[in-house]
Amino acid sequence: MNLLVPRGSVVSVFGRSGAGKSVLLKCLAGLLTPDAGEVRFENGLQHGVGRRCSYLFQANALFDSMTAFENVALPLEQTSRLGRREIAHAARDALKNLA
């Protein structure tokens, strides 16, 4: 797939169930790595658009490509300045509170 989105544009992705809409968006957001090809952003190779792209589920859900631990740790990794050990400790504590 080739997709060029001019700066400032708003894009919607439509298609039938199973067509690959979610896979496309997850690749753009860096949650999945494409099986082939590459994602380019602002004229450079980009392993996911990261902070410039978001992925919003239609209903509350976890990222199915990640473990429960990774789902819990993700917001801390993206929004805090905590180190890996601190994030792991906080994620484990949060998961313990679910029992």
N, C-alpha and C. Protein backbone atom coordinates (compact mmCIF):
# COMPACT_ATOMS: atom_id res chain seq x y z
N MET A 1 0.84 -1.16 0.00
CA MET A 1 0.00 0.00 0.00
C MET A 1 0.89 1.23 0.00
N ASN A 2 0.57 2.19 -0.81
CA ASN A 2 1.22 3.49 -0.78
C ASN A 2 0.18 4.50 -0.30
N LEU A 3 0.56 5.30 0.67
CA LEU A 3 -0.35 6.28 1.23
C LEU A 3 0.42 7.57 1.48
N LEU A 4 0.02 8.62 0.83
CA LEU A 4 0.63 9.93 1.03
C LEU A 4 -0.42 10.84 1.66
N VAL A 5 -0.11 11.36 2.83
CA VAL A 5 -1.04 12.22 3.54
C VAL A 5 -0.40 13.61 3.68
N PRO A 6 -0.92 14.60 2.98
CA PRO A 6 -0.36 15.95 3.09
C PRO A 6 -0.50 16.50 4.51
N ARG A 7 0.46 17.29 4.91
CA ARG A 7 0.45 17.92 6.24
C ARG A 7 -0.87 18.65 6.47
N GLY A 8 -1.44 18.47 7.64
CA GLY A 8 -2.68 19.14 8.01
C GLY A 8 -3.94 18.42 7.56
N SER A 9 -3.78 17.31 6.87
CA SER A 9 -4.94 16.57 6.38
C SER A 9 -5.54 15.68 7.48
N VAL A 10 -6.79 15.37 7.31
CA VAL A 10 -7.47 14.41 8.16
C VAL A 10 -7.84 13.24 7.27
N VAL A 11 -7.52 12.02 7.72
CA VAL A 11 -7.74 10.84 6.90
C VAL A 11 -8.61 9.86 7.66
N SER A 12 -9.54 9.25 6.96
CA SER A 12 -10.36 8.17 7.51
C SER A 12 -10.05 6.91 6.74
N VAL A 13 -10.07 5.79 7.45
CA VAL A 13 -9.81 4.50 6.82
C VAL A 13 -11.09 3.67 6.90
N PHE A 14 -11.60 3.27 5.76
CA PHE A 14 -12.82 2.49 5.69
C PHE A 14 -12.53 1.15 5.02
N GLY A 15 -13.32 0.16 5.35
CA GLY A 15 -13.20 -1.14 4.70
C GLY A 15 -13.99 -2.18 5.45
N ARG A 16 -14.17 -3.31 4.81
CA ARG A 16 -14.93 -4.39 5.43
C ARG A 16 -14.10 -5.02 6.55
N SER A 17 -14.75 -5.79 7.37
CA SER A 17 -14.09 -6.51 8.46
C SER A 17 -13.01 -7.43 7.89
N GLY A 18 -11.83 -7.37 8.46
CA GLY A 18 -10.74 -8.23 8.03
C GLY A 18 -9.90 -7.69 6.89
N ALA A 19 -10.21 -6.48 6.43
CA ALA A 19 -9.49 -5.91 5.29
C ALA A 19 -8.10 -5.40 5.67
N GLY A 20 -7.83 -5.20 6.96
CA GLY A 20 -6.51 -4.74 7.39
C GLY A 20 -6.44 -3.32 7.91
N LYS A 21 -7.59 -2.73 8.20
CA LYS A 21 -7.60 -1.35 8.70
C LYS A 21 -6.83 -1.22 10.00
N SER A 22 -7.12 -2.10 10.95
CA SER A 22 -6.45 -2.04 12.25
C SER A 22 -4.96 -2.34 12.12
N VAL A 23 -4.60 -3.28 11.27
CA VAL A 23 -3.19 -3.60 11.06
C VAL A 23 -2.46 -2.39 10.49
N LEU A 24 -3.06 -1.71 9.53
CA LEU A 24 -2.47 -0.50 8.97
C LEU A 24 -2.22 0.53 10.05
N LEU A 25 -3.24 0.81 10.85
CA LEU A 25 -3.11 1.83 11.90
C LEU A 25 -2.09 1.43 12.95
N LYS A 26 -2.05 0.15 13.31
CA LYS A 26 -1.07 -0.32 14.29
C LYS A 26 0.35 -0.21 13.74
N CYS A 27 0.54 -0.44 12.46
CA CYS A 27 1.86 -0.25 11.85
C CYS A 27 2.26 1.22 11.87
N LEU A 28 1.32 2.09 11.56
CA LEU A 28 1.62 3.53 11.59
C LEU A 28 1.97 4.00 12.99
N ALA A 29 1.28 3.47 13.98
CA ALA A 29 1.51 3.88 15.37
C ALA A 29 2.73 3.19 15.98
N GLY A 30 3.31 2.23 15.27
CA GLY A 30 4.48 1.54 15.78
C GLY A 30 4.17 0.38 16.70
N LEU A 31 2.91 -0.04 16.75
CA LEU A 31 2.53 -1.17 17.60
C LEU A 31 2.82 -2.50 16.93
N LEU A 32 2.88 -2.50 15.60
CA LEU A 32 3.24 -3.68 14.82
C LEU A 32 4.31 -3.29 13.82
N THR A 33 5.14 -4.26 13.44
CA THR A 33 6.14 -4.06 12.40
C THR A 33 5.60 -4.67 11.11
N PRO A 34 5.62 -3.93 10.01
CA PRO A 34 5.11 -4.48 8.74
C PRO A 34 5.88 -5.74 8.34
N ASP A 35 5.19 -6.71 7.74
CA ASP A 35 5.84 -7.92 7.24
C ASP A 35 6.80 -7.58 6.10
N ALA A 36 6.47 -6.58 5.34
CA ALA A 36 7.30 -6.15 4.22
C ALA A 36 7.15 -4.65 4.06
N GLY A 37 8.10 -4.03 3.42
CA GLY A 37 8.02 -2.59 3.18
C GLY A 37 8.44 -1.79 4.40
N GLU A 38 8.07 -0.54 4.40
CA GLU A 38 8.50 0.36 5.48
C GLU A 38 7.50 1.49 5.66
N VAL A 39 7.56 2.10 6.80
CA VAL A 39 6.74 3.26 7.10
C VAL A 39 7.67 4.47 7.08
N ARG A 40 7.30 5.44 6.27
CA ARG A 40 8.11 6.67 6.20
C ARG A 40 7.28 7.83 6.72
N PHE A 41 7.94 8.70 7.44
CA PHE A 41 7.26 9.85 8.02
C PHE A 41 8.14 11.07 7.84
N GLU A 42 7.61 12.10 7.23
CA GLU A 42 8.35 13.33 6.95
C GLU A 42 9.68 13.05 6.28
N ASN A 43 9.62 12.27 5.21
CA ASN A 43 10.76 11.97 4.33
C ASN A 43 11.85 11.11 4.96
N GLY A 44 11.58 10.48 6.09
CA GLY A 44 12.57 9.62 6.70
C GLY A 44 11.97 8.30 7.12
N LEU A 45 12.82 7.27 7.20
CA LEU A 45 12.36 5.96 7.65
C LEU A 45 11.93 6.08 9.09
N GLN A 46 10.77 5.57 9.38
CA GLN A 46 10.21 5.71 10.73
C GLN A 46 9.69 4.36 11.18
N HIS A 47 10.09 3.94 12.33
CA HIS A 47 9.57 2.70 12.90
C HIS A 47 8.33 3.05 13.70
N GLY A 48 7.32 3.45 13.02
CA GLY A 48 6.08 3.89 13.64
C GLY A 48 6.13 5.40 13.83
N VAL A 49 5.04 6.02 13.65
CA VAL A 49 4.97 7.46 13.78
C VAL A 49 5.01 7.88 15.24
N GLY A 50 4.81 6.88 16.13
CA GLY A 50 4.97 7.12 17.56
C GLY A 50 4.07 8.19 18.12
N ARG A 51 4.67 9.21 18.71
CA ARG A 51 3.90 10.24 19.40
C ARG A 51 3.07 11.11 18.47
N ARG A 52 3.28 11.01 17.17
CA ARG A 52 2.52 11.81 16.21
C ARG A 52 1.27 11.09 15.71
N CYS A 53 1.06 9.86 16.16
CA CYS A 53 -0.07 9.06 15.70
C CYS A 53 -0.65 8.33 16.90
N SER A 54 -1.95 8.25 16.97
CA SER A 54 -2.61 7.55 18.06
C SER A 54 -3.49 6.44 17.51
N TYR A 55 -3.78 5.50 18.37
CA TYR A 55 -4.66 4.39 17.99
C TYR A 55 -5.75 4.32 19.04
N LEU A 56 -6.99 4.48 18.64
CA LEU A 56 -8.11 4.49 19.57
C LEU A 56 -9.05 3.36 19.23
N PHE A 57 -9.32 2.51 20.21
CA PHE A 57 -10.23 1.40 20.00
C PHE A 57 -11.68 1.90 20.00
N GLN A 58 -12.55 1.15 19.36
CA GLN A 58 -13.97 1.50 19.36
C GLN A 58 -14.59 1.26 20.72
N ALA A 59 -14.04 0.34 21.46
CA ALA A 59 -14.50 0.03 22.82
C ALA A 59 -13.26 -0.22 23.67
N ASN A 60 -13.42 -0.18 24.98
CA ASN A 60 -12.28 -0.43 25.85
C ASN A 60 -11.67 -1.78 25.53
N ALA A 61 -10.39 -1.81 25.31
CA ALA A 61 -9.72 -3.05 24.94
C ALA A 61 -8.22 -2.91 25.18
N LEU A 62 -7.56 -4.04 25.18
CA LEU A 62 -6.11 -4.07 25.26
C LEU A 62 -5.54 -4.21 23.87
N PHE A 63 -4.27 -3.84 23.68
CA PHE A 63 -3.61 -4.08 22.41
C PHE A 63 -3.37 -5.57 22.31
N ASP A 64 -3.98 -6.21 21.32
CA ASP A 64 -3.89 -7.67 21.21
C ASP A 64 -2.51 -8.16 20.81
N SER A 65 -1.66 -7.27 20.36
CA SER A 65 -0.31 -7.65 19.97
C SER A 65 0.67 -7.58 21.15
N MET A 66 0.15 -7.22 22.34
CA MET A 66 1.00 -7.05 23.52
C MET A 66 0.48 -7.88 24.68
N THR A 67 1.37 -8.21 25.61
CA THR A 67 0.96 -8.92 26.81
C THR A 67 0.21 -7.96 27.73
N ALA A 68 -0.46 -8.49 28.75
CA ALA A 68 -1.15 -7.65 29.72
C ALA A 68 -0.16 -6.71 30.40
N PHE A 69 1.01 -7.24 30.78
CA PHE A 69 2.04 -6.42 31.40
C PHE A 69 2.45 -5.26 30.50
N GLU A 70 2.68 -5.55 29.21
CA GLU A 70 3.08 -4.51 28.26
C GLU A 70 1.98 -3.47 28.09
N ASN A 71 0.71 -3.89 28.10
CA ASN A 71 -0.41 -2.95 28.01
C ASN A 71 -0.43 -2.00 29.20
N VAL A 72 -0.17 -2.53 30.38
CA VAL A 72 -0.18 -1.70 31.59
C VAL A 72 1.02 -0.76 31.61
N ALA A 73 2.17 -1.23 31.16
CA ALA A 73 3.40 -0.42 31.19
C ALA A 73 3.42 0.66 30.11
N LEU A 74 2.72 0.45 29.01
CA LEU A 74 2.80 1.35 27.86
C LEU A 74 2.54 2.83 28.19
N PRO A 75 1.47 3.17 28.91
CA PRO A 75 1.26 4.60 29.19
C PRO A 75 2.40 5.23 29.99
N LEU A 76 2.99 4.48 30.90
CA LEU A 76 4.12 5.00 31.67
C LEU A 76 5.35 5.19 30.78
N GLU A 77 5.56 4.26 29.86
CA GLU A 77 6.70 4.38 28.94
C GLU A 77 6.56 5.61 28.06
N GLN A 78 5.34 5.90 27.65
CA GLN A 78 5.12 6.99 26.69
C GLN A 78 4.96 8.36 27.34
N THR A 79 4.58 8.40 28.61
CA THR A 79 4.26 9.71 29.20
C THR A 79 5.07 10.07 30.43
N SER A 80 5.89 9.15 30.93
CA SER A 80 6.65 9.47 32.14
C SER A 80 8.15 9.43 31.85
N ARG A 81 8.90 9.88 32.81
CA ARG A 81 10.36 9.83 32.70
C ARG A 81 10.93 8.74 33.61
N LEU A 82 10.06 7.82 34.01
CA LEU A 82 10.49 6.72 34.85
C LEU A 82 11.41 5.78 34.09
N GLY A 83 12.33 5.14 34.80
CA GLY A 83 13.21 4.16 34.19
C GLY A 83 12.49 2.83 34.02
N ARG A 84 13.14 1.92 33.30
CA ARG A 84 12.52 0.62 33.02
C ARG A 84 12.16 -0.13 34.30
N ARG A 85 13.05 -0.13 35.28
CA ARG A 85 12.77 -0.85 36.53
C ARG A 85 11.59 -0.25 37.27
N GLU A 86 11.51 1.07 37.30
CA GLU A 86 10.40 1.74 37.98
C GLU A 86 9.07 1.45 37.27
N ILE A 87 9.10 1.46 35.95
CA ILE A 87 7.90 1.16 35.18
C ILE A 87 7.48 -0.28 35.42
N ALA A 88 8.44 -1.20 35.40
CA ALA A 88 8.12 -2.62 35.64
C ALA A 88 7.52 -2.81 37.02
N HIS A 89 8.08 -2.14 38.01
CA HIS A 89 7.56 -2.24 39.38
C HIS A 89 6.12 -1.70 39.46
N ALA A 90 5.89 -0.54 38.85
CA ALA A 90 4.55 0.06 38.88
C ALA A 90 3.54 -0.82 38.14
N ALA A 91 3.94 -1.38 37.00
CA ALA A 91 3.04 -2.24 36.24
C ALA A 91 2.70 -3.51 37.02
N ARG A 92 3.71 -4.10 37.66
CA ARG A 92 3.44 -5.30 38.47
C ARG A 92 2.50 -4.98 39.63
N ASP A 93 2.71 -3.85 40.27
CA ASP A 93 1.82 -3.44 41.37
C ASP A 93 0.40 -3.25 40.87
N ALA A 94 0.24 -2.62 39.73
CA ALA A 94 -1.10 -2.39 39.19
C ALA A 94 -1.79 -3.72 38.87
N LEU A 95 -1.03 -4.67 38.31
CA LEU A 95 -1.63 -5.96 37.98
C LEU A 95 -1.99 -6.75 39.23
N LYS A 96 -1.22 -6.60 40.30
CA LYS A 96 -1.53 -7.28 41.57
C LYS A 96 -2.86 -6.77 42.14
N ASN A 97 -3.15 -5.49 41.92
CA ASN A 97 -4.38 -4.89 42.44
C ASN A 97 -5.63 -5.39 41.72
N LEU A 98 -5.47 -6.08 40.59
CA LEU A 98 -6.61 -6.59 39.85
C LEU A 98 -7.19 -7.86 40.46
N ALA A 99 -6.39 -8.55 41.27
CA ALA A 99 -6.83 -9.84 41.84
C ALA A 99 -7.89 -9.66 42.91
